[in-house]
N, C-alpha and C. Protein backbone atom coordinates (compact mmCIF):
# COMPACT_ATOMS: atom_id res chain seq x y z
N UNK A 1 96.57 193.49 52.50
CA UNK A 1 96.49 194.89 52.91
C UNK A 1 96.22 195.71 51.61
N UNK A 2 95.25 196.52 51.68
CA UNK A 2 94.90 197.33 50.56
C UNK A 2 95.91 198.58 50.47
N UNK A 3 95.93 199.26 49.41
CA UNK A 3 96.79 200.44 49.25
C UNK A 3 96.32 201.42 50.30
N UNK A 4 95.07 201.64 50.54
CA UNK A 4 94.60 202.57 51.49
C UNK A 4 94.96 202.29 52.86
N UNK A 5 94.94 201.05 53.21
CA UNK A 5 95.28 200.46 54.56
C UNK A 5 96.75 200.71 54.72
N UNK A 6 97.53 200.41 53.69
CA UNK A 6 98.99 200.63 53.87
C UNK A 6 99.30 202.03 54.06
N UNK A 7 98.65 202.93 53.29
CA UNK A 7 98.85 204.40 53.37
C UNK A 7 98.48 204.83 54.93
N UNK A 8 97.32 204.46 55.37
CA UNK A 8 97.10 204.79 56.61
C UNK A 8 98.12 204.27 57.78
N UNK A 9 98.47 203.05 57.58
CA UNK A 9 99.47 202.45 58.61
C UNK A 9 100.72 203.21 58.53
N UNK A 10 101.08 203.78 57.19
CA UNK A 10 102.34 204.63 57.21
C UNK A 10 102.09 206.10 57.47
N UNK A 11 100.80 206.36 57.83
CA UNK A 11 100.60 207.87 58.27
C UNK A 11 100.42 208.86 57.10
N UNK A 12 100.13 208.46 55.87
CA UNK A 12 99.81 209.32 54.77
C UNK A 12 98.36 209.01 54.18
N UNK A 13 98.00 209.87 53.29
CA UNK A 13 96.68 209.69 52.60
C UNK A 13 97.06 208.94 51.38
N UNK A 14 95.98 208.14 50.82
CA UNK A 14 96.05 207.29 49.66
C UNK A 14 96.72 207.96 48.58
N UNK A 15 96.32 209.26 48.29
CA UNK A 15 96.84 209.96 47.16
C UNK A 15 98.38 210.20 47.35
N UNK A 16 98.87 210.44 48.49
CA UNK A 16 100.33 210.42 48.62
C UNK A 16 100.95 209.21 48.36
N UNK A 17 100.37 208.09 48.82
CA UNK A 17 100.77 206.71 48.59
C UNK A 17 100.94 206.48 47.11
N UNK A 18 99.86 206.84 46.33
CA UNK A 18 99.86 206.50 44.80
C UNK A 18 101.04 207.36 44.27
N UNK A 19 101.25 208.69 44.69
CA UNK A 19 102.34 209.41 44.20
C UNK A 19 103.66 208.82 44.47
N UNK A 20 103.96 208.25 45.58
CA UNK A 20 105.10 207.51 45.94
C UNK A 20 105.42 206.37 45.02
N UNK A 21 104.25 205.61 44.85
CA UNK A 21 104.38 204.49 43.96
C UNK A 21 104.62 204.70 42.48
N UNK A 22 104.05 205.85 42.06
CA UNK A 22 104.27 206.23 40.62
C UNK A 22 105.63 206.98 40.48
N UNK A 23 106.26 207.33 41.50
CA UNK A 23 107.58 208.03 41.49
C UNK A 23 107.46 209.52 41.26
N UNK A 24 106.12 210.10 41.44
CA UNK A 24 105.89 211.53 41.21
C UNK A 24 106.40 212.23 42.45
N UNK A 25 106.39 211.66 43.62
CA UNK A 25 106.98 212.40 44.89
C UNK A 25 107.74 211.36 45.60
N UNK A 26 108.70 211.90 46.46
CA UNK A 26 109.38 211.16 47.31
C UNK A 26 109.05 211.20 48.77
N UNK A 27 108.99 210.06 49.32
CA UNK A 27 108.61 210.09 50.81
C UNK A 27 109.61 210.55 51.80
N UNK A 28 109.10 211.15 52.93
CA UNK A 28 110.09 211.54 53.91
C UNK A 28 110.60 210.48 54.81
N UNK A 29 111.49 210.65 55.70
CA UNK A 29 112.10 209.58 56.52
C UNK A 29 111.03 209.01 57.43
N UNK A 30 110.13 209.73 57.96
CA UNK A 30 109.07 209.29 58.81
C UNK A 30 108.26 208.14 58.03
N UNK A 31 107.81 208.57 56.81
CA UNK A 31 107.15 207.52 55.99
C UNK A 31 107.94 206.25 55.75
N UNK A 32 109.16 206.48 55.46
CA UNK A 32 110.05 205.23 55.19
C UNK A 32 110.27 204.42 56.36
N UNK A 33 110.30 204.91 57.59
CA UNK A 33 110.48 204.25 58.80
C UNK A 33 109.13 203.48 59.01
N UNK A 34 107.95 204.13 58.77
CA UNK A 34 106.69 203.50 59.10
C UNK A 34 106.46 202.38 57.94
N UNK A 35 106.81 202.54 56.75
CA UNK A 35 106.75 201.52 55.78
C UNK A 35 107.63 200.28 56.11
N UNK A 36 108.73 200.52 56.54
CA UNK A 36 109.70 199.55 56.92
C UNK A 36 109.11 198.64 58.07
N UNK A 37 108.47 199.35 59.10
CA UNK A 37 107.78 198.76 60.15
C UNK A 37 106.68 197.80 59.85
N UNK A 38 105.88 198.41 58.86
CA UNK A 38 104.64 197.78 58.33
C UNK A 38 105.07 196.48 57.68
N UNK A 39 106.06 196.60 56.80
CA UNK A 39 106.67 195.39 56.05
C UNK A 39 107.47 194.31 56.75
N UNK A 40 107.92 194.91 57.90
CA UNK A 40 108.81 194.03 58.78
C UNK A 40 110.22 193.97 58.27
N UNK A 41 110.74 195.13 57.55
CA UNK A 41 112.18 195.14 56.99
C UNK A 41 112.82 196.29 57.53
N UNK A 42 114.12 196.28 57.04
CA UNK A 42 114.97 197.39 57.49
C UNK A 42 114.62 198.56 56.53
N UNK A 43 114.86 199.77 56.94
CA UNK A 43 114.63 201.06 56.22
C UNK A 43 115.47 201.02 54.96
N UNK A 44 116.78 200.56 55.17
CA UNK A 44 117.64 200.58 53.99
C UNK A 44 117.18 199.68 52.99
N UNK A 45 116.46 198.65 53.31
CA UNK A 45 116.02 197.59 52.21
C UNK A 45 114.85 198.37 51.59
N UNK A 46 113.90 199.16 52.17
CA UNK A 46 112.91 199.85 51.52
C UNK A 46 113.54 200.83 50.54
N UNK A 47 114.60 201.51 50.90
CA UNK A 47 115.23 202.56 50.03
C UNK A 47 116.00 201.89 48.98
N UNK A 48 116.72 200.88 49.17
CA UNK A 48 117.78 200.40 48.11
C UNK A 48 117.28 199.10 47.45
N UNK A 49 116.36 198.39 48.08
CA UNK A 49 115.92 197.13 47.71
C UNK A 49 117.10 196.15 47.36
N UNK A 50 118.11 196.28 48.26
CA UNK A 50 119.28 195.37 48.10
C UNK A 50 119.60 194.72 49.46
N UNK A 51 120.52 193.76 49.49
CA UNK A 51 120.91 193.27 50.79
C UNK A 51 119.78 192.45 51.48
N UNK A 52 120.08 192.27 52.67
CA UNK A 52 119.11 191.37 53.53
C UNK A 52 117.76 192.35 54.00
N UNK A 53 116.70 191.79 53.76
CA UNK A 53 115.46 192.70 54.17
C UNK A 53 115.27 192.82 55.63
N UNK A 54 115.81 191.94 56.45
CA UNK A 54 115.64 192.06 57.83
C UNK A 54 117.02 191.70 58.55
N UNK A 55 117.01 192.06 59.89
CA UNK A 55 118.19 191.58 60.61
C UNK A 55 118.11 190.08 60.92
N UNK A 56 119.30 189.46 61.01
CA UNK A 56 119.13 188.09 61.25
C UNK A 56 118.37 187.66 62.55
N UNK A 57 118.54 188.54 63.54
CA UNK A 57 118.05 188.19 64.88
C UNK A 57 116.35 188.27 64.90
N UNK A 58 115.96 189.34 64.38
CA UNK A 58 114.51 189.65 64.52
C UNK A 58 114.09 190.79 63.54
N UNK A 59 112.84 191.04 63.29
CA UNK A 59 112.35 192.14 62.63
C UNK A 59 111.38 192.82 63.24
N UNK A 60 110.91 194.06 62.95
CA UNK A 60 109.95 194.85 63.49
C UNK A 60 108.65 194.18 63.53
N UNK A 61 108.17 193.51 62.50
CA UNK A 61 106.90 192.80 62.52
C UNK A 61 106.87 191.73 63.66
N UNK A 62 107.93 191.07 63.82
CA UNK A 62 107.94 189.88 64.90
C UNK A 62 107.78 190.61 66.35
N UNK A 63 108.63 191.71 66.45
CA UNK A 63 108.57 192.41 67.80
C UNK A 63 107.22 193.00 67.96
N UNK A 64 106.57 193.43 66.87
CA UNK A 64 105.13 194.07 67.11
C UNK A 64 104.20 192.97 67.64
N UNK A 65 104.36 191.63 67.05
CA UNK A 65 103.54 190.57 67.44
C UNK A 65 103.70 190.30 68.91
N UNK A 66 104.87 190.22 69.43
CA UNK A 66 105.12 190.10 70.73
C UNK A 66 104.55 191.28 71.58
N UNK A 67 104.60 192.49 71.04
CA UNK A 67 103.85 193.42 71.86
C UNK A 67 102.37 193.43 71.86
N UNK A 68 101.72 192.87 70.75
CA UNK A 68 100.34 192.72 70.77
C UNK A 68 99.99 191.57 71.76
N UNK A 69 100.76 190.42 71.81
CA UNK A 69 100.51 189.40 72.82
C UNK A 69 100.57 189.95 74.24
N UNK A 70 101.67 190.61 74.46
CA UNK A 70 101.67 191.28 75.81
C UNK A 70 100.48 192.22 76.22
N UNK A 71 99.99 192.98 75.20
CA UNK A 71 98.84 193.80 75.39
C UNK A 71 97.56 193.01 75.74
N UNK A 72 97.56 191.88 75.00
CA UNK A 72 96.28 190.93 75.34
C UNK A 72 96.33 190.29 76.59
N UNK A 73 97.51 190.05 77.07
CA UNK A 73 97.70 189.27 78.31
C UNK A 73 97.03 189.94 79.50
N UNK A 74 96.26 189.22 80.27
CA UNK A 74 95.56 189.57 81.44
C UNK A 74 94.13 190.12 81.07
N UNK A 75 93.74 189.97 79.88
CA UNK A 75 92.49 190.56 79.40
C UNK A 75 91.59 189.39 78.87
N UNK A 76 91.91 188.21 79.25
CA UNK A 76 91.24 186.98 78.82
C UNK A 76 89.71 186.98 78.95
N UNK A 77 89.27 187.56 80.06
CA UNK A 77 87.92 187.37 80.51
C UNK A 77 87.09 188.56 79.76
N UNK A 78 87.57 189.80 79.90
CA UNK A 78 86.68 190.86 79.31
C UNK A 78 87.19 191.29 77.80
N UNK A 79 88.39 190.91 77.42
CA UNK A 79 88.80 191.25 76.07
C UNK A 79 89.19 192.66 76.02
N UNK A 80 89.73 192.98 74.93
CA UNK A 80 90.22 194.37 74.54
C UNK A 80 89.79 194.93 73.24
N UNK A 81 89.54 196.20 73.15
CA UNK A 81 89.22 196.83 71.87
C UNK A 81 90.41 196.93 71.05
N UNK A 82 90.21 196.93 69.79
CA UNK A 82 91.22 197.25 68.89
C UNK A 82 91.89 198.61 69.04
N UNK A 83 90.92 199.66 69.39
CA UNK A 83 91.66 201.04 69.60
C UNK A 83 92.53 200.97 70.81
N UNK A 84 92.16 200.37 71.91
CA UNK A 84 93.00 200.29 73.14
C UNK A 84 94.29 199.58 72.89
N UNK A 85 94.21 198.38 72.10
CA UNK A 85 95.37 197.64 71.84
C UNK A 85 96.30 198.55 71.04
N UNK A 86 95.83 199.25 69.90
CA UNK A 86 96.81 199.98 69.04
C UNK A 86 97.35 201.10 69.89
N UNK A 87 96.67 201.71 70.76
CA UNK A 87 97.24 202.67 71.64
C UNK A 87 98.39 202.21 72.64
N UNK A 88 98.14 201.00 73.23
CA UNK A 88 99.06 200.45 74.00
C UNK A 88 100.31 199.96 73.36
N UNK A 89 100.23 199.53 72.08
CA UNK A 89 101.35 199.11 71.26
C UNK A 89 102.05 200.27 70.60
N UNK A 90 101.26 201.35 70.45
CA UNK A 90 101.85 202.45 69.72
C UNK A 90 101.95 202.40 68.15
N UNK A 91 100.98 201.70 67.62
CA UNK A 91 100.99 201.55 66.16
C UNK A 91 99.62 201.81 65.76
N UNK A 92 99.36 202.06 64.54
CA UNK A 92 98.10 202.45 63.80
C UNK A 92 97.15 201.27 63.86
N UNK A 93 95.89 201.39 64.05
CA UNK A 93 94.93 200.31 64.14
C UNK A 93 94.90 199.32 62.88
N UNK A 94 95.13 199.76 61.68
CA UNK A 94 95.11 198.75 60.54
C UNK A 94 96.40 197.87 60.82
N UNK A 95 97.46 198.43 61.15
CA UNK A 95 98.71 197.54 61.41
C UNK A 95 98.43 196.50 62.59
N UNK A 96 97.87 197.05 63.61
CA UNK A 96 97.49 196.07 64.72
C UNK A 96 96.53 195.19 64.40
N UNK A 97 95.51 195.54 63.66
CA UNK A 97 94.48 194.51 63.20
C UNK A 97 95.02 193.47 62.32
N UNK A 98 96.03 193.69 61.46
CA UNK A 98 96.69 192.78 60.76
C UNK A 98 97.53 191.90 61.47
N UNK A 99 98.17 192.40 62.64
CA UNK A 99 98.96 191.61 63.48
C UNK A 99 97.88 190.65 64.23
N UNK A 100 96.73 191.21 64.67
CA UNK A 100 95.84 190.37 65.46
C UNK A 100 95.30 189.28 64.38
N UNK A 101 95.04 189.46 63.27
CA UNK A 101 94.54 188.55 62.33
C UNK A 101 95.53 187.44 62.03
N UNK A 102 96.77 187.80 61.98
CA UNK A 102 98.02 186.90 61.92
C UNK A 102 97.97 185.98 63.11
N UNK A 103 97.96 186.57 64.22
CA UNK A 103 97.91 185.78 65.53
C UNK A 103 96.67 184.86 65.61
N UNK A 104 95.45 185.27 65.15
CA UNK A 104 94.31 184.50 65.22
C UNK A 104 94.42 183.28 64.23
N UNK A 105 95.17 183.45 63.10
CA UNK A 105 95.30 182.44 62.19
C UNK A 105 96.00 181.19 62.78
N UNK A 106 96.83 181.42 63.86
CA UNK A 106 97.52 180.51 64.45
C UNK A 106 97.11 180.06 65.90
N UNK A 107 96.00 180.59 66.30
CA UNK A 107 95.26 180.29 67.48
C UNK A 107 95.94 181.12 68.79
N UNK A 108 96.67 182.09 68.43
CA UNK A 108 97.20 183.03 69.52
C UNK A 108 96.27 184.08 69.81
N UNK A 109 95.38 184.52 69.12
CA UNK A 109 94.35 185.58 69.38
C UNK A 109 93.01 185.16 68.97
N UNK A 110 92.00 185.71 69.55
CA UNK A 110 90.63 185.44 69.10
C UNK A 110 89.76 186.59 69.20
N UNK A 111 88.79 186.77 68.38
CA UNK A 111 87.90 187.92 68.50
C UNK A 111 86.46 187.44 68.65
N UNK A 112 85.78 188.04 69.72
CA UNK A 112 84.31 187.49 69.95
C UNK A 112 83.35 188.27 69.19
N UNK A 113 82.05 187.99 69.32
CA UNK A 113 80.94 188.54 68.59
C UNK A 113 80.91 190.04 68.79
N UNK A 114 81.40 190.51 69.91
CA UNK A 114 81.32 191.96 70.40
C UNK A 114 82.55 192.76 69.86
N UNK A 115 83.45 191.99 69.05
CA UNK A 115 84.60 192.55 68.39
C UNK A 115 85.64 192.89 69.42
N UNK A 116 85.61 192.24 70.56
CA UNK A 116 86.84 192.28 71.59
C UNK A 116 87.84 191.19 71.25
N UNK A 117 89.04 191.63 71.51
CA UNK A 117 90.23 190.52 71.31
C UNK A 117 90.60 190.09 72.66
N UNK A 118 91.03 188.67 72.50
CA UNK A 118 91.71 188.08 73.64
C UNK A 118 92.59 187.13 73.25
N UNK A 119 93.55 186.70 74.11
CA UNK A 119 94.44 185.61 73.84
C UNK A 119 93.63 184.41 73.42
N UNK A 120 94.25 183.70 72.36
CA UNK A 120 93.55 182.43 71.91
C UNK A 120 93.95 181.23 72.83
N UNK A 121 93.62 180.13 72.34
CA UNK A 121 93.87 178.89 73.08
C UNK A 121 95.39 178.45 72.99
N UNK A 122 96.19 178.82 71.93
CA UNK A 122 97.54 178.50 71.75
C UNK A 122 98.40 178.79 72.95
N UNK A 123 98.44 180.01 73.40
CA UNK A 123 99.43 180.39 74.46
C UNK A 123 99.04 179.75 75.79
N UNK A 124 97.61 179.57 75.93
CA UNK A 124 97.23 178.87 77.18
C UNK A 124 97.77 177.32 77.23
N UNK A 125 97.57 176.81 76.10
CA UNK A 125 98.12 175.37 76.07
C UNK A 125 99.39 175.32 76.29
N UNK A 126 100.25 176.23 75.85
CA UNK A 126 101.69 176.25 75.94
C UNK A 126 101.90 176.49 77.42
N UNK A 127 101.20 177.18 78.16
CA UNK A 127 101.43 177.58 79.59
C UNK A 127 101.04 176.20 80.31
N UNK A 128 99.94 175.56 79.90
CA UNK A 128 99.60 174.39 80.59
C UNK A 128 100.71 173.27 80.43
N UNK A 129 101.30 173.20 79.22
CA UNK A 129 102.32 172.17 79.02
C UNK A 129 103.58 172.59 79.92
N UNK A 130 103.88 173.82 79.94
CA UNK A 130 104.97 174.23 80.86
C UNK A 130 104.72 173.83 82.28
N UNK A 131 103.46 174.02 82.73
CA UNK A 131 103.12 173.76 84.13
C UNK A 131 103.37 172.21 84.42
N UNK A 132 102.92 171.46 83.40
CA UNK A 132 102.96 169.96 83.55
C UNK A 132 104.50 169.59 83.58
N UNK A 133 105.20 170.16 82.70
CA UNK A 133 106.65 169.91 82.70
C UNK A 133 107.28 170.31 83.94
N UNK A 134 106.99 171.48 84.54
CA UNK A 134 107.44 171.91 85.73
C UNK A 134 107.19 171.03 86.84
N UNK A 135 105.90 170.51 87.02
CA UNK A 135 105.52 169.57 87.95
C UNK A 135 106.23 168.23 87.93
N UNK A 136 106.48 167.80 86.73
CA UNK A 136 107.27 166.61 86.50
C UNK A 136 108.79 166.85 86.99
N UNK A 137 109.27 167.99 86.72
CA UNK A 137 110.61 168.25 87.20
C UNK A 137 110.65 168.31 88.71
N UNK A 138 109.71 168.90 89.31
CA UNK A 138 109.56 169.01 90.81
C UNK A 138 109.58 167.71 91.39
N UNK A 139 108.80 166.81 90.69
CA UNK A 139 108.51 165.40 91.30
C UNK A 139 109.96 164.64 91.30
N UNK A 140 110.72 164.83 90.15
CA UNK A 140 112.02 164.14 90.02
C UNK A 140 112.90 164.75 91.00
N UNK A 141 112.92 166.05 91.29
CA UNK A 141 113.84 166.63 92.17
C UNK A 141 113.47 166.07 93.69
N UNK A 142 112.17 165.98 93.97
CA UNK A 142 111.71 165.38 95.14
C UNK A 142 112.26 163.95 95.44
N UNK A 143 112.11 163.19 94.27
CA UNK A 143 112.43 161.84 94.33
C UNK A 143 114.14 161.65 94.61
N UNK A 144 114.81 162.47 94.01
CA UNK A 144 116.26 162.49 94.23
C UNK A 144 116.56 163.03 95.58
N UNK A 145 115.84 164.04 96.04
CA UNK A 145 116.10 164.55 97.40
C UNK A 145 115.89 163.47 98.50
N UNK A 146 114.83 162.78 98.33
CA UNK A 146 114.35 161.70 99.18
C UNK A 146 115.51 160.57 99.27
N UNK A 147 116.02 160.26 97.94
CA UNK A 147 116.93 159.23 97.88
C UNK A 147 118.34 159.61 98.62
N UNK A 148 118.72 160.82 98.63
CA UNK A 148 119.89 161.22 99.26
C UNK A 148 119.69 161.74 100.68
N UNK A 149 118.55 161.92 101.12
CA UNK A 149 118.51 162.45 102.54
C UNK A 149 117.94 161.29 103.46
N UNK A 150 117.75 160.10 102.97
CA UNK A 150 117.33 159.02 103.90
C UNK A 150 118.43 158.67 104.69
N UNK A 151 118.01 158.41 105.98
CA UNK A 151 119.09 158.04 106.99
C UNK A 151 119.26 156.48 106.76
N UNK A 152 120.42 155.95 106.88
CA UNK A 152 120.72 154.60 106.69
C UNK A 152 120.05 153.78 107.76
N UNK A 153 119.48 152.66 107.48
CA UNK A 153 118.70 152.11 108.45
C UNK A 153 118.45 150.69 108.53
């Protein structure tokens, strides 16, 4: 991510971002929260650079990825524009684009020639595997049910 993309994702201009980095100006709480969100760390880690960067259970970047996946679901045929995804997720386009690119690198999202985004093959393959496992479990339950409900004869 470039300095300008980071600035946009945090809601400031590049000049302000440069001032923060040089120590000429201090960012406000809104910027710090946005920066922590972009980096996927706690705000306290951004300020103090001490302790754990993220909570042990999850971080903002992970939760954002899940939000993007949910926003893509149901649009496998026609796809979604980046603008619409960003609006649905409630984050700036550069941040959502970075998330989409990360998902695409692992097969969770794909972009077509008209620049529309869809779920990639990975979640579909997981759903198919789930369905196969469910059918196998149903067959086993049926087998046990038949074994125990046969009349002696």
